[in-house]
Amino acid sequence: MVRAGDRAERPARASVWLEGKAPRGGAAPRGGGQPSGLDRDRITEVTVRLLDAEGMAKFSMRRLAAELNVTAMSVYWYVDTKDDLLELALDAVFGELELPDPDPESGEDWRDQLRGLAGGYRALLVRHPWVSPLIGTFLNIGPHSMAFSLRVQEVVRRTGLPPHGQMGALSAVFQFVYGFGTIEGHFVQRCASAGLSQDEYHRQAMSTIGEQPQLAAHFESSADLLEARGGDTVEEMRERDFGFALELLIAGIEAMVARGG
């Protein structure tokens, strides 16, 4: 356990995964007054649940301790800082992702595997809106995250792209998914906070924009695009957009392979 004063004086660590304490296990060693009935996995699980329900702004070690029915200091027997706990929570949700068979002889097409990984990553960002800002805050090098990253690299290697183009392809696909999933997740969250369905929120927003003289011309000029977009609901429109954009990226990879990278 690290005392509060020590936590304030210590320089920021690069990552909880580099601290040399191998925080991949569950229970902390007993003795010296550590609280019973807790382990790191349990604390991480409750952290994820609170972040899903209340978001980052309301999350605190005191709030977590209250949910666990322990004192805040009890939590510090298992994690040194709030940032450490957020890193653990971030990696825990990456464990929800279903990863494709890594065996190149499995017969699975790389395109289908890439679609599956992209769709799973998008769903993760929507399901846990607090994840996207943390991905940009921490190194994100926990075991679940690294397993996902490794599997993505394995799939991209099978595309036929030369090594110098593989990272570009990976960035094109997964930076797109990150942006798409982040915006989608925040939109879903905002609709829920407003007590509206996504379709109700969308209709109100479009109606308000259409009534503004300074925006009406821009709104009318995009009417044909919105009509061609298709779909009766926000979710249907979004699925069409995501699917088409992902197919564009896959077609781009195929085109670059055909051109020799």
Protein backbone atom coordinates (compact mmCIF):
# COMPACT_ATOMS: atom_id res chain seq x y z
CA MET A 1 0.00 0.00 0.00
CA VAL A 2 1.23 3.51 -0.88
CA ARG A 3 0.48 6.32 1.58
CA ALA A 4 -1.46 9.35 0.36
CA GLY A 5 1.55 11.60 0.98
CA ASP A 6 3.81 9.33 -1.06
CA ARG A 7 1.29 9.30 -3.90
CA ALA A 8 1.34 13.10 -4.00
CA GLU A 9 5.15 13.28 -4.06
CA ARG A 10 5.86 10.53 -6.58
CA PRO A 11 6.23 11.44 -10.26
CA ALA A 12 3.53 10.12 -12.58
CA ARG A 13 4.15 6.58 -13.74
CA ALA A 14 4.08 5.75 -17.43
CA SER A 15 1.72 2.83 -16.86
CA VAL A 16 0.46 0.52 -14.14
CA TRP A 17 1.64 -2.34 -16.36
CA LEU A 18 5.25 -1.13 -16.10
CA GLU A 19 5.39 -0.67 -12.34
CA GLY A 20 6.99 -4.06 -11.67
CA LYS A 21 4.15 -5.30 -9.47
CA ALA A 22 2.67 -7.63 -12.10
CA PRO A 23 -0.88 -6.36 -11.51
CA ARG A 24 -2.38 -9.10 -13.65
CA GLY A 25 -3.39 -11.20 -10.66
CA GLY A 26 -6.33 -10.90 -8.32
CA ALA A 27 -5.78 -10.78 -4.58
CA ALA A 28 -3.26 -8.60 -2.81
CA PRO A 29 -1.07 -10.29 -0.18
CA ARG A 30 -2.72 -10.53 3.20
CA GLY A 31 -1.31 -9.12 6.38
CA GLY A 32 -0.65 -5.68 7.80
CA GLY A 33 -4.30 -4.68 7.99
CA GLN A 34 -5.46 -5.22 4.43
CA PRO A 35 -9.24 -5.46 4.22
CA SER A 36 -10.81 -8.86 3.66
CA GLY A 37 -13.40 -9.68 1.01
CA LEU A 38 -11.71 -7.67 -1.73
CA ASP A 39 -9.40 -8.42 -4.60
CA ARG A 40 -8.18 -6.41 -7.57
CA ASP A 41 -10.48 -8.18 -10.01
CA ARG A 42 -13.55 -7.36 -7.93
CA ILE A 43 -12.51 -3.74 -7.59
CA THR A 44 -11.93 -3.49 -11.34
CA GLU A 45 -15.29 -5.09 -12.12
CA VAL A 46 -17.16 -2.58 -9.94
CA THR A 47 -15.14 0.28 -11.43
CA VAL A 48 -16.27 -0.70 -14.92
CA ARG A 49 -19.88 -0.90 -13.78
CA LEU A 50 -19.74 2.56 -12.18
CA LEU A 51 -18.09 4.11 -15.21
CA ASP A 52 -20.77 2.63 -17.45
CA ALA A 53 -23.58 3.85 -15.22
CA GLU A 54 -22.31 7.27 -14.14
CA GLY A 55 -19.42 8.23 -16.43
CA MET A 56 -15.95 9.58 -15.72
CA ALA A 57 -17.09 12.89 -14.24
CA LYS A 58 -18.80 11.27 -11.24
CA PHE A 59 -16.26 8.52 -10.66
CA SER A 60 -14.04 8.77 -7.59
CA MET A 61 -12.26 6.45 -5.20
CA ARG A 62 -14.76 7.43 -2.50
CA ARG A 63 -17.69 6.58 -4.78
CA LEU A 64 -16.07 3.24 -5.59
CA ALA A 65 -15.42 2.49 -1.92
CA ALA A 66 -19.05 3.24 -1.07
CA GLU A 67 -20.21 0.82 -3.76
CA LEU A 68 -17.87 -1.83 -2.36
CA ASN A 69 -18.99 -1.02 1.19
CA VAL A 70 -15.42 -0.38 2.36
CA THR A 71 -13.37 2.70 3.20
CA ALA A 72 -11.52 4.56 0.44
CA MET A 73 -8.22 3.68 2.08
CA SER A 74 -9.10 0.00 1.77
CA VAL A 75 -9.05 0.28 -2.01
CA TYR A 76 -5.49 1.62 -1.86
CA TRP A 77 -4.27 -1.77 -0.61
CA TYR A 78 -4.88 -3.00 -4.16
CA VAL A 79 -4.18 0.01 -6.37
CA ASP A 80 -1.88 2.95 -5.71
CA THR A 81 -3.79 5.62 -7.64
CA LYS A 82 -7.05 6.32 -9.39
CA ASP A 83 -5.16 6.33 -12.71
CA ASP A 84 -3.94 2.81 -12.01
CA LEU A 85 -7.52 1.70 -11.50
CA LEU A 86 -8.68 3.39 -14.71
CA GLU A 87 -5.95 1.57 -16.62
CA LEU A 88 -7.05 -1.74 -15.14
CA ALA A 89 -10.67 -1.00 -16.07
CA LEU A 90 -9.66 -0.02 -19.59
CA ASP A 91 -7.84 -3.29 -20.14
CA ALA A 92 -10.65 -5.30 -18.56
CA VAL A 93 -13.20 -4.19 -21.15
CA PHE A 94 -10.83 -5.10 -23.98
CA GLY A 95 -11.22 -8.63 -22.65
CA GLU A 96 -14.82 -8.53 -23.92
CA LEU A 97 -13.67 -8.56 -27.54
CA GLU A 98 -14.04 -11.77 -29.51
CA LEU A 99 -10.79 -12.43 -31.35
CA PRO A 100 -10.54 -14.47 -34.55
CA ASP A 101 -8.59 -17.71 -34.89
CA PRO A 102 -4.90 -16.79 -35.18
CA ASP A 103 -4.11 -19.91 -37.21
CA PRO A 104 -3.49 -18.84 -40.83
CA GLU A 105 -4.59 -22.33 -41.87
CA SER A 106 -8.02 -21.90 -40.29
CA GLY A 107 -9.52 -21.02 -43.66
CA GLU A 108 -11.00 -17.73 -42.43
CA ASP A 109 -10.73 -14.87 -44.91
CA TRP A 110 -8.79 -11.85 -43.66
CA ARG A 111 -11.60 -9.58 -44.85
CA ASP A 112 -14.16 -11.29 -42.64
CA GLN A 113 -11.75 -11.26 -39.72
CA LEU A 114 -11.08 -7.56 -40.20
CA ARG A 115 -14.82 -6.85 -40.35
CA GLY A 116 -15.30 -8.80 -37.12
CA LEU A 117 -12.50 -6.98 -35.30
CA ALA A 118 -13.67 -3.58 -36.53
CA GLY A 119 -17.28 -4.28 -35.58
CA GLY A 120 -16.30 -5.55 -32.14
CA TYR A 121 -14.11 -2.52 -31.46
CA ARG A 122 -16.88 -0.16 -32.53
CA ALA A 123 -19.39 -1.92 -30.25
CA LEU A 124 -16.93 -1.69 -27.35
CA LEU A 125 -16.59 2.08 -27.77
CA VAL A 126 -20.36 2.50 -27.90
CA ARG A 127 -21.01 0.20 -24.94
CA HIS A 128 -18.40 1.97 -22.79
CA PRO A 129 -18.27 5.68 -23.83
CA TRP A 130 -15.63 6.42 -21.17
CA VAL A 131 -13.15 4.17 -22.97
CA SER A 132 -12.30 6.45 -25.90
CA PRO A 133 -10.75 9.31 -23.86
CA LEU A 134 -8.78 6.83 -21.76
CA ILE A 135 -7.32 5.21 -24.87
CA GLY A 136 -5.78 8.56 -25.67
CA THR A 137 -4.64 9.11 -22.07
CA PHE A 138 -2.89 5.86 -21.17
CA LEU A 139 -0.43 3.61 -22.98
CA ASN A 140 -3.06 0.88 -23.01
CA ILE A 141 -0.59 -2.00 -22.86
CA GLY A 142 -2.47 -4.42 -20.62
CA PRO A 143 -2.77 -8.09 -21.58
CA HIS A 144 -6.24 -7.88 -23.14
CA SER A 145 -5.42 -4.78 -25.13
CA MET A 146 -2.16 -6.28 -26.35
CA ALA A 147 -3.94 -9.48 -27.38
CA PHE A 148 -6.35 -7.40 -29.48
CA SER A 149 -3.51 -5.39 -31.00
CA LEU A 150 -1.55 -8.53 -31.83
CA ARG A 151 -4.53 -10.18 -33.50
CA VAL A 152 -5.18 -7.04 -35.58
CA GLN A 153 -1.56 -7.07 -36.75
CA GLU A 154 -1.79 -10.76 -37.64
CA VAL A 155 -4.89 -10.14 -39.77
CA VAL A 156 -3.34 -7.14 -41.54
CA ARG A 157 -0.23 -9.20 -42.33
CA ARG A 158 -2.45 -11.66 -44.17
CA THR A 159 -3.80 -8.97 -46.51
CA GLY A 160 -0.76 -9.24 -48.77
CA LEU A 161 0.37 -5.68 -48.12
CA PRO A 162 4.13 -5.21 -47.84
CA PRO A 163 5.46 -4.48 -44.34
CA HIS A 164 5.86 -0.75 -44.98
CA GLY A 165 2.14 -0.45 -45.76
CA GLN A 166 0.68 -2.60 -43.01
CA MET A 167 0.75 0.01 -40.25
CA GLY A 168 -0.91 2.52 -42.58
CA ALA A 169 -3.70 0.05 -43.32
CA LEU A 170 -4.10 -0.70 -39.63
CA SER A 171 -4.32 3.02 -38.84
CA ALA A 172 -6.78 3.68 -41.65
CA VAL A 173 -9.20 1.03 -40.44
CA PHE A 174 -8.95 1.35 -36.68
CA GLN A 175 -8.58 5.12 -36.44
CA PHE A 176 -11.76 5.29 -38.53
CA VAL A 177 -13.49 2.83 -36.19
CA TYR A 178 -12.24 4.75 -33.14
CA GLY A 179 -13.68 8.02 -34.44
CA PHE A 180 -16.94 6.47 -35.60
CA GLY A 181 -17.48 4.52 -32.38
CA THR A 182 -16.54 7.48 -30.17
CA ILE A 183 -19.04 9.83 -31.82
CA GLU A 184 -21.72 7.14 -31.87
CA GLY A 185 -21.19 6.30 -28.20
CA HIS A 186 -21.37 9.92 -27.12
CA PHE A 187 -24.50 10.49 -29.22
CA VAL A 188 -26.21 7.50 -27.64
CA GLN A 189 -25.18 8.75 -24.21
CA ARG A 190 -26.47 12.27 -24.88
CA CYS A 191 -29.83 10.96 -26.10
CA ALA A 192 -30.18 8.87 -22.95
CA SER A 193 -29.29 11.86 -20.76
CA ALA A 194 -31.96 13.92 -22.53
CA GLY A 195 -34.55 11.19 -21.99
CA LEU A 196 -35.06 10.80 -25.74
CA SER A 197 -34.65 7.96 -28.18
CA GLN A 198 -32.02 8.45 -30.86
CA ASP A 199 -34.75 8.95 -33.48
CA GLU A 200 -36.56 11.55 -31.36
CA TYR A 201 -33.33 13.44 -30.75
CA HIS A 202 -32.45 13.31 -34.45
CA ARG A 203 -35.86 14.60 -35.53
CA GLN A 204 -35.71 17.49 -33.06
CA ALA A 205 -32.20 18.42 -34.15
CA MET A 206 -33.01 18.31 -37.86
CA SER A 207 -36.19 20.33 -37.33
CA THR A 208 -34.32 22.98 -35.37
CA ILE A 209 -31.55 23.23 -37.97
CA GLY A 210 -34.06 23.49 -40.81
CA GLU A 211 -35.75 26.46 -39.15
CA GLN A 212 -32.54 28.51 -38.93
CA PRO A 213 -32.22 30.87 -41.96
CA GLN A 214 -28.43 30.85 -41.83
CA LEU A 215 -28.40 27.04 -41.95
CA ALA A 216 -31.38 26.32 -44.19
CA ALA A 217 -29.43 26.54 -47.47
CA HIS A 218 -26.80 24.09 -46.24
CA PHE A 219 -29.51 21.81 -44.93
CA GLU A 220 -31.37 21.82 -48.24
CA SER A 221 -28.21 21.17 -50.26
CA SER A 222 -27.64 17.93 -48.36
CA ALA A 223 -31.25 16.73 -48.56
CA ASP A 224 -30.52 14.45 -51.52
CA LEU A 225 -27.62 12.85 -49.66
CA LEU A 226 -29.76 12.24 -46.60
CA GLU A 227 -32.48 10.69 -48.76
CA ALA A 228 -30.00 8.47 -50.60
CA ARG A 229 -28.49 7.43 -47.30
CA GLY A 230 -31.48 5.18 -46.69
CA GLY A 231 -32.76 3.67 -43.49
CA ASP A 232 -35.84 4.43 -41.43
CA THR A 233 -34.03 4.92 -38.14
CA VAL A 234 -30.82 6.51 -36.90
CA GLU A 235 -29.38 3.08 -36.18
CA GLU A 236 -30.16 1.83 -39.69
CA MET A 237 -28.56 4.91 -41.26
CA ARG A 238 -25.51 4.51 -39.08
CA GLU A 239 -25.17 0.82 -39.94
CA ARG A 240 -25.24 1.66 -43.65
CA ASP A 241 -22.64 4.39 -43.20
CA PHE A 242 -20.31 2.21 -41.13
CA GLY A 243 -20.64 -0.80 -43.40
CA PHE A 244 -20.03 1.19 -46.58
CA ALA A 245 -17.06 3.06 -45.12
CA LEU A 246 -15.47 -0.17 -43.90
CA GLU A 247 -15.94 -1.78 -47.32
CA LEU A 248 -14.25 1.25 -48.90
CA LEU A 249 -11.23 0.70 -46.66
CA ILE A 250 -11.11 -3.02 -47.43
CA ALA A 251 -11.38 -2.27 -51.15
CA GLY A 252 -8.55 0.23 -50.74
CA ILE A 253 -6.35 -2.43 -49.15
CA GLU A 254 -7.14 -4.81 -52.00
CA ALA A 255 -6.33 -2.09 -54.54
CA MET A 256 -2.99 -1.35 -52.90
CA VAL A 257 -2.12 -5.04 -52.82
CA ALA A 258 -2.97 -5.27 -56.53
CA ARG A 259 -0.69 -2.28 -57.20
CA GLY A 260 2.12 -3.92 -55.31
CA GLY A 261 1.75 -1.88 -52.13
